[in-house]
């Protein structure tokens, strides 16, 4: 009787370990995605501020064209 219980526990243990690995992989993927989004936003913000600051130094017509691009 005890042997059957140990077999069942072994299956449960393997399932738990498999799910743990899946969760760890999902977390790694989520962190990578968050990092990529942060990097893209940082680049976008930098470009936006650069365009804005450059437009302050240009003539009005040229500034409007630069901002629209």
PDB file of N, CA and C in Angstrom:
ATOM      1  N   UNK A   1       0.820  -1.197   0.000  1.00  0.00           N
ATOM      2  CA  UNK A   1       0.000   0.000   0.000  1.00  0.00           C
ATOM      3  C   UNK A   1       0.866   1.263   0.000  1.00  0.00           C
ATOM      4  N   UNK A   2       1.910   1.264   0.795  1.00  0.00           N
ATOM      5  CA  UNK A   2       2.776   2.429   0.885  1.00  0.00           C
ATOM      6  C   UNK A   2       3.501   2.664  -0.445  1.00  0.00           C
ATOM      7  N   UNK A   3       3.844   1.608  -1.176  1.00  0.00           N
ATOM      8  CA  UNK A   3       4.530   1.733  -2.453  1.00  0.00           C
ATOM      9  C   UNK A   3       3.661   2.492  -3.462  1.00  0.00           C
ATOM     10  N   UNK A   4       2.390   2.220  -3.495  1.00  0.00           N
ATOM     11  CA  UNK A   4       1.465   2.908  -4.400  1.00  0.00           C
ATOM     12  C   UNK A   4       1.414   4.393  -4.049  1.00  0.00           C
ATOM     13  N   UNK A   5       1.386   4.715  -2.804  1.00  0.00           N
ATOM     14  CA  UNK A   5       1.347   6.110  -2.400  1.00  0.00           C
ATOM     15  C   UNK A   5       2.618   6.839  -2.833  1.00  0.00           C
ATOM     16  N   UNK A   6       3.767   6.181  -2.727  1.00  0.00           N
ATOM     17  CA  UNK A   6       5.026   6.801  -3.143  1.00  0.00           C
ATOM     18  C   UNK A   6       5.047   7.035  -4.657  1.00  0.00           C
ATOM     19  N   UNK A   7       4.468   6.109  -5.427  1.00  0.00           N
ATOM     20  CA  UNK A   7       4.383   6.302  -6.875  1.00  0.00           C
ATOM     21  C   UNK A   7       3.536   7.525  -7.203  1.00  0.00           C
ATOM     22  N   UNK A   8       2.423   7.673  -6.510  1.00  0.00           N
ATOM     23  CA  UNK A   8       1.559   8.830  -6.728  1.00  0.00           C
ATOM     24  C   UNK A   8       2.283  10.119  -6.350  1.00  0.00           C
ATOM     25  N   UNK A   9       3.017  10.082  -5.258  1.00  0.00           N
ATOM     26  CA  UNK A   9       3.768  11.255  -4.830  1.00  0.00           C
ATOM     27  C   UNK A   9       4.857  11.604  -5.837  1.00  0.00           C
ATOM     28  N   UNK A  10       5.463  10.594  -6.439  1.00  0.00           N
ATOM     29  CA  UNK A  10       6.500  10.838  -7.434  1.00  0.00           C
ATOM     30  C   UNK A  10       5.911  11.578  -8.641  1.00  0.00           C
ATOM     31  N   UNK A  11       4.743  11.153  -9.081  1.00  0.00           N
ATOM     32  CA  UNK A  11       4.076  11.819 -10.212  1.00  0.00           C
ATOM     33  C   UNK A  11       3.726  13.263  -9.848  1.00  0.00           C
ATOM     34  N   UNK A  12       3.211  13.454  -8.652  1.00  0.00           N
ATOM     35  CA  UNK A  12       2.861  14.808  -8.199  1.00  0.00           C
ATOM     36  C   UNK A  12       4.112  15.671  -8.114  1.00  0.00           C
ATOM     37  N   UNK A  13       5.185  15.109  -7.590  1.00  0.00           N
ATOM     38  CA  UNK A  13       6.451  15.847  -7.468  1.00  0.00           C
ATOM     39  C   UNK A  13       6.962  16.271  -8.844  1.00  0.00           C
ATOM     40  N   UNK A  14       6.930  15.373  -9.804  1.00  0.00           N
ATOM     41  CA  UNK A  14       7.390  15.688 -11.152  1.00  0.00           C
ATOM     42  C   UNK A  14       6.525  16.786 -11.789  1.00  0.00           C
ATOM     43  N   UNK A  15       5.236  16.731 -11.550  1.00  0.00           N
ATOM     44  CA  UNK A  15       4.327  17.755 -12.074  1.00  0.00           C
ATOM     45  C   UNK A  15       4.645  19.114 -11.464  1.00  0.00           C
ATOM     46  N   UNK A  16       4.882  19.133 -10.171  1.00  0.00           N
ATOM     47  CA  UNK A  16       5.206  20.385  -9.469  1.00  0.00           C
ATOM     48  C   UNK A  16       6.517  20.960 -10.003  1.00  0.00           C
ATOM     49  N   UNK A  17       7.533  20.122 -10.169  1.00  0.00           N
ATOM     50  CA  UNK A  17       8.818  20.596 -10.676  1.00  0.00           C
ATOM     51  C   UNK A  17       8.701  21.120 -12.109  1.00  0.00           C
ATOM     52  N   UNK A  18       7.897  20.449 -12.912  1.00  0.00           N
ATOM     53  CA  UNK A  18       7.684  20.898 -14.287  1.00  0.00           C
ATOM     54  C   UNK A  18       6.996  22.262 -14.311  1.00  0.00           C
ATOM     55  N   UNK A  19       5.956  22.429 -13.499  1.00  0.00           N
ATOM     56  CA  UNK A  19       5.244  23.713 -13.437  1.00  0.00           C
ATOM     57  C   UNK A  19       6.162  24.815 -12.913  1.00  0.00           C
ATOM     58  N   UNK A  20       7.027  24.485 -11.955  1.00  0.00           N
ATOM     59  CA  UNK A  20       7.975  25.461 -11.416  1.00  0.00           C
ATOM     60  C   UNK A  20       8.893  25.970 -12.526  1.00  0.00           C
ATOM     61  N   UNK A  21       9.399  25.064 -13.350  1.00  0.00           N
ATOM     62  CA  UNK A  21      10.261  25.450 -14.475  1.00  0.00           C
ATOM     63  C   UNK A  21       9.499  26.302 -15.486  1.00  0.00           C
ATOM     64  N   UNK A  22       8.246  25.960 -15.752  1.00  0.00           N
ATOM     65  CA  UNK A  22       7.436  26.743 -16.692  1.00  0.00           C
ATOM     66  C   UNK A  22       7.222  28.167 -16.162  1.00  0.00           C
ATOM     67  N   UNK A  23       6.930  28.287 -14.884  1.00  0.00           N
ATOM     68  CA  UNK A  23       6.736  29.610 -14.278  1.00  0.00           C
ATOM     69  C   UNK A  23       8.031  30.423 -14.318  1.00  0.00           C
ATOM     70  N   UNK A  24       9.155  29.775 -14.046  1.00  0.00           N
ATOM     71  CA  UNK A  24      10.439  30.473 -14.083  1.00  0.00           C
ATOM     72  C   UNK A  24      10.742  30.970 -15.496  1.00  0.00           C
ATOM     73  N   UNK A  25      10.463  30.147 -16.501  1.00  0.00           N
ATOM     74  CA  UNK A  25      10.693  30.551 -17.891  1.00  0.00           C
ATOM     75  C   UNK A  25       9.768  31.712 -18.269  1.00  0.00           C
ATOM     76  N   UNK A  26       8.511  31.643 -17.857  1.00  0.00           N
ATOM     77  CA  UNK A  26       7.570  32.733 -18.139  1.00  0.00           C
ATOM     78  C   UNK A  26       8.042  34.035 -17.502  1.00  0.00           C
ATOM     79  N   UNK A  27       8.564  33.946 -16.285  1.00  0.00           N
ATOM     80  CA  UNK A  27       9.051  35.147 -15.609  1.00  0.00           C
ATOM     81  C   UNK A  27      10.245  35.731 -16.353  1.00  0.00           C
ATOM     82  N   UNK A  28      11.152  34.876 -16.813  1.00  0.00           N
ATOM     83  CA  UNK A  28      12.303  35.359 -17.592  1.00  0.00           C
ATOM     84  C   UNK A  28      11.837  36.057 -18.864  1.00  0.00           C
ATOM     85  N   UNK A  29      10.849  35.477 -19.536  1.00  0.00           N
ATOM     86  CA  UNK A  29      10.322  36.081 -20.761  1.00  0.00           C
ATOM     87  C   UNK A  29       9.649  37.424 -20.456  1.00  0.00           C
ATOM     88  N   UNK A  30       8.890  37.481 -19.363  1.00  0.00           N
ATOM     89  CA  UNK A  30       8.229  38.731 -18.976  1.00  0.00           C
ATOM     90  C   UNK A  30       9.250  39.821 -18.662  1.00  0.00           C
ATOM     91  N   UNK A  31      10.320  39.456 -17.969  1.00  0.00           N
ATOM     92  CA  UNK A  31      11.360  40.429 -17.647  1.00  0.00           C
ATOM     93  C   UNK A  31      12.055  40.922 -18.917  1.00  0.00           C
ATOM     94  N   UNK A  32      12.287  40.023 -19.851  1.00  0.00           N
ATOM     95  CA  UNK A  32      12.915  40.418 -21.116  1.00  0.00           C
ATOM     96  C   UNK A  32      11.998  41.360 -21.896  1.00  0.00           C
ATOM     97  N   UNK A  33      10.711  41.058 -21.909  1.00  0.00           N
ATOM     98  CA  UNK A  33       9.744  41.917 -22.601  1.00  0.00           C
ATOM     99  C   UNK A  33       9.694  43.285 -21.949  1.00  0.00           C
ATOM    100  N   UNK A  34       9.649  43.321 -20.629  1.00  0.00           N
ATOM    101  CA  UNK A  34       9.626  44.603 -19.910  1.00  0.00           C
ATOM    102  C   UNK A  34      10.879  45.417 -20.213  1.00  0.00           C
ATOM    103  N   UNK A  35      12.016  44.750 -20.259  1.00  0.00           N
ATOM    104  CA  UNK A  35      13.270  45.446 -20.562  1.00  0.00           C
ATOM    105  C   UNK A  35      13.233  46.029 -21.970  1.00  0.00           C
ATOM    106  N   UNK A  36      12.735  45.249 -22.931  1.00  0.00           N
ATOM    107  CA  UNK A  36      12.658  45.728 -24.311  1.00  0.00           C
ATOM    108  C   UNK A  36      11.728  46.932 -24.431  1.00  0.00           C
ATOM    109  N   UNK A  37      10.593  46.885 -23.767  1.00  0.00           N
ATOM    110  CA  UNK A  37       9.655  48.008 -23.798  1.00  0.00           C
ATOM    111  C   UNK A  37      10.294  49.237 -23.177  1.00  0.00           C
ATOM    112  N   UNK A  38      10.953  49.065 -22.041  1.00  0.00           N
ATOM    113  CA  UNK A  38      11.620  50.186 -21.371  1.00  0.00           C
ATOM    114  C   UNK A  38      12.682  50.794 -22.279  1.00  0.00           C
ATOM    115  N   UNK A  39      13.468  49.951 -22.940  1.00  0.00           N
ATOM    116  CA  UNK A  39      14.515  50.431 -23.838  1.00  0.00           C
ATOM    117  C   UNK A  39      13.926  51.203 -25.006  1.00  0.00           C
ATOM    118  N   UNK A  40      12.866  50.667 -25.591  1.00  0.00           N
ATOM    119  CA  UNK A  40      12.217  51.348 -26.720  1.00  0.00           C
ATOM    120  C   UNK A  40      11.629  52.687 -26.287  1.00  0.00           C
ATOM    121  N   UNK A  41      10.999  52.724 -25.128  1.00  0.00           N
ATOM    122  CA  UNK A  41      10.424  53.972 -24.638  1.00  0.00           C
ATOM    123  C   UNK A  41      11.503  54.999 -24.332  1.00  0.00           C
ATOM    124  N   UNK A  42      12.612  54.548 -23.781  1.00  0.00           N
ATOM    125  CA  UNK A  42      13.707  55.468 -23.480  1.00  0.00           C
ATOM    126  C   UNK A  42      14.230  56.098 -24.764  1.00  0.00           C
ATOM    127  N   UNK A  43      14.422  55.289 -25.780  1.00  0.00           N
ATOM    128  CA  UNK A  43      14.883  55.798 -27.076  1.00  0.00           C
ATOM    129  C   UNK A  43      13.874  56.776 -27.662  1.00  0.00           C
ATOM    130  N   UNK A  44      12.595  56.418 -27.598  1.00  0.00           N
ATOM    131  CA  UNK A  44      11.543  57.295 -28.118  1.00  0.00           C
ATOM    132  C   UNK A  44      11.535  58.633 -27.370  1.00  0.00           C
ATOM    133  N   UNK A  45      11.616  58.576 -26.064  1.00  0.00           N
ATOM    134  CA  UNK A  45      11.612  59.810 -25.264  1.00  0.00           C
ATOM    135  C   UNK A  45      12.821  60.685 -25.581  1.00  0.00           C
ATOM    136  N   UNK A  46      13.967  60.059 -25.735  1.00  0.00           N
ATOM    137  CA  UNK A  46      15.180  60.799 -26.072  1.00  0.00           C
ATOM    138  C   UNK A  46      15.030  61.486 -27.431  1.00  0.00           C
ATOM    139  N   UNK A  47      14.526  60.732 -28.408  1.00  0.00           N
ATOM    140  CA  UNK A  47      14.313  61.317 -29.740  1.00  0.00           C
ATOM    141  C   UNK A  47      13.309  62.459 -29.689  1.00  0.00           C
ATOM    142  N   UNK A  48      12.261  62.282 -28.920  1.00  0.00           N
ATOM    143  CA  UNK A  48      11.239  63.317 -28.790  1.00  0.00           C
ATOM    144  C   UNK A  48      11.818  64.588 -28.167  1.00  0.00           C
ATOM    145  N   UNK A  49      12.563  64.439 -27.098  1.00  0.00           N
ATOM    146  CA  UNK A  49      13.180  65.604 -26.451  1.00  0.00           C
ATOM    147  C   UNK A  49      14.226  66.269 -27.348  1.00  0.00           C
ATOM    148  N   UNK A  50      14.975  65.453 -28.081  1.00  0.00           N
ATOM    149  CA  UNK A  50      15.969  66.017 -28.996  1.00  0.00           C
ATOM    150  C   UNK A  50      15.291  66.825 -30.091  1.00  0.00           C
ATOM    151  N   UNK A  51      14.228  66.283 -30.664  1.00  0.00           N
ATOM    152  CA  UNK A  51      13.490  66.997 -31.711  1.00  0.00           C
ATOM    153  C   UNK A  51      12.913  68.286 -31.164  1.00  0.00           C
ATOM    154  N   UNK A  52      12.339  68.222 -29.973  1.00  0.00           N
ATOM    155  CA  UNK A  52      11.763  69.420 -29.364  1.00  0.00           C
ATOM    156  C   UNK A  52      12.828  70.480 -29.100  1.00  0.00           C
ATOM    157  N   UNK A  53      13.945  70.061 -28.534  1.00  0.00           N
ATOM    158  CA  UNK A  53      14.993  71.039 -28.223  1.00  0.00           C
ATOM    159  C   UNK A  53      15.594  71.623 -29.503  1.00  0.00           C
ATOM    160  N   UNK A  54      15.758  70.793 -30.522  1.00  0.00           N
ATOM    161  CA  UNK A  54      16.246  71.309 -31.808  1.00  0.00           C
ATOM    162  C   UNK A  54      15.257  72.294 -32.415  1.00  0.00           C
ATOM    163  N   UNK A  55      13.975  72.008 -32.253  1.00  0.00           N
ATOM    164  CA  UNK A  55      12.957  72.887 -32.836  1.00  0.00           C
ATOM    165  C   UNK A  55      12.953  74.255 -32.158  1.00  0.00           C
ATOM    166  N   UNK A  56      13.339  74.305 -30.912  1.00  0.00           N
ATOM    167  CA  UNK A  56      13.404  75.591 -30.224  1.00  0.00           C
ATOM    168  C   UNK A  56      14.481  76.495 -30.808  1.00  0.00           C
ATOM    169  N   UNK A  57      15.488  75.865 -31.377  1.00  0.00           N
ATOM    170  CA  UNK A  57      16.611  76.618 -31.928  1.00  0.00           C
ATOM    171  C   UNK A  57      16.406  76.989 -33.406  1.00  0.00           C
ATOM    172  N   UNK A  58      15.423  76.406 -34.062  1.00  0.00           N
ATOM    173  CA  UNK A  58      15.189  76.641 -35.484  1.00  0.00           C
ATOM    174  C   UNK A  58      14.183  77.763 -35.699  1.00  0.00           C
ATOM    175  N   UNK A  59      14.079  78.152 -36.936  1.00  0.00           N
ATOM    176  CA  UNK A  59      13.032  79.093 -37.295  1.00  0.00           C
ATOM    177  C   UNK A  59      11.700  78.379 -37.201  1.00  0.00           C
ATOM    178  N   UNK A  60      10.629  79.134 -37.105  1.00  0.00           N
ATOM    179  CA  UNK A  60       9.314  78.561 -36.851  1.00  0.00           C
ATOM    180  C   UNK A  60       8.878  77.574 -37.924  1.00  0.00           C
ATOM    181  N   UNK A  61       9.034  77.898 -39.197  1.00  0.00           N
ATOM    182  CA  UNK A  61       8.602  76.993 -40.271  1.00  0.00           C
ATOM    183  C   UNK A  61       9.397  75.709 -40.277  1.00  0.00           C
ATOM    184  N   UNK A  62      10.694  75.833 -40.157  1.00  0.00           N
ATOM    185  CA  UNK A  62      11.537  74.636 -40.120  1.00  0.00           C
ATOM    186  C   UNK A  62      11.242  73.786 -38.885  1.00  0.00           C
ATOM    187  N   UNK A  63      10.933  74.429 -37.784  1.00  0.00           N
ATOM    188  CA  UNK A  63      10.616  73.717 -36.555  1.00  0.00           C
ATOM    189  C   UNK A  63       9.344  72.882 -36.723  1.00  0.00           C
ATOM    190  N   UNK A  64       8.313  73.451 -37.332  1.00  0.00           N
ATOM    191  CA  UNK A  64       7.062  72.719 -37.568  1.00  0.00           C
ATOM    192  C   UNK A  64       7.304  71.493 -38.429  1.00  0.00           C
ATOM    193  N   UNK A  65       8.135  71.630 -39.458  1.00  0.00           N
ATOM    194  CA  UNK A  65       8.452  70.511 -40.319  1.00  0.00           C
ATOM    195  C   UNK A  65       9.207  69.406 -39.549  1.00  0.00           C
ATOM    196  N   UNK A  66      10.138  69.795 -38.730  1.00  0.00           N
ATOM    197  CA  UNK A  66      10.923  68.827 -37.959  1.00  0.00           C
ATOM    198  C   UNK A  66      10.050  68.068 -36.976  1.00  0.00           C
ATOM    199  N   UNK A  67       9.135  68.761 -36.317  1.00  0.00           N
ATOM    200  CA  UNK A  67       8.251  68.106 -35.343  1.00  0.00           C
ATOM    201  C   UNK A  67       7.317  67.150 -36.042  1.00  0.00           C
ATOM    202  N   UNK A  68       6.838  67.510 -37.229  1.00  0.00           N
ATOM    203  CA  UNK A  68       5.916  66.633 -37.977  1.00  0.00           C
ATOM    204  C   UNK A  68       6.612  65.363 -38.449  1.00  0.00           C
ATOM    205  N   UNK A  69       7.911  65.439 -38.661  1.00  0.00           N
ATOM    206  CA  UNK A  69       8.647  64.252 -39.112  1.00  0.00           C
ATOM    207  C   UNK A  69       8.827  63.333 -37.940  1.00  0.00           C
TER     208      UNK A  69
END
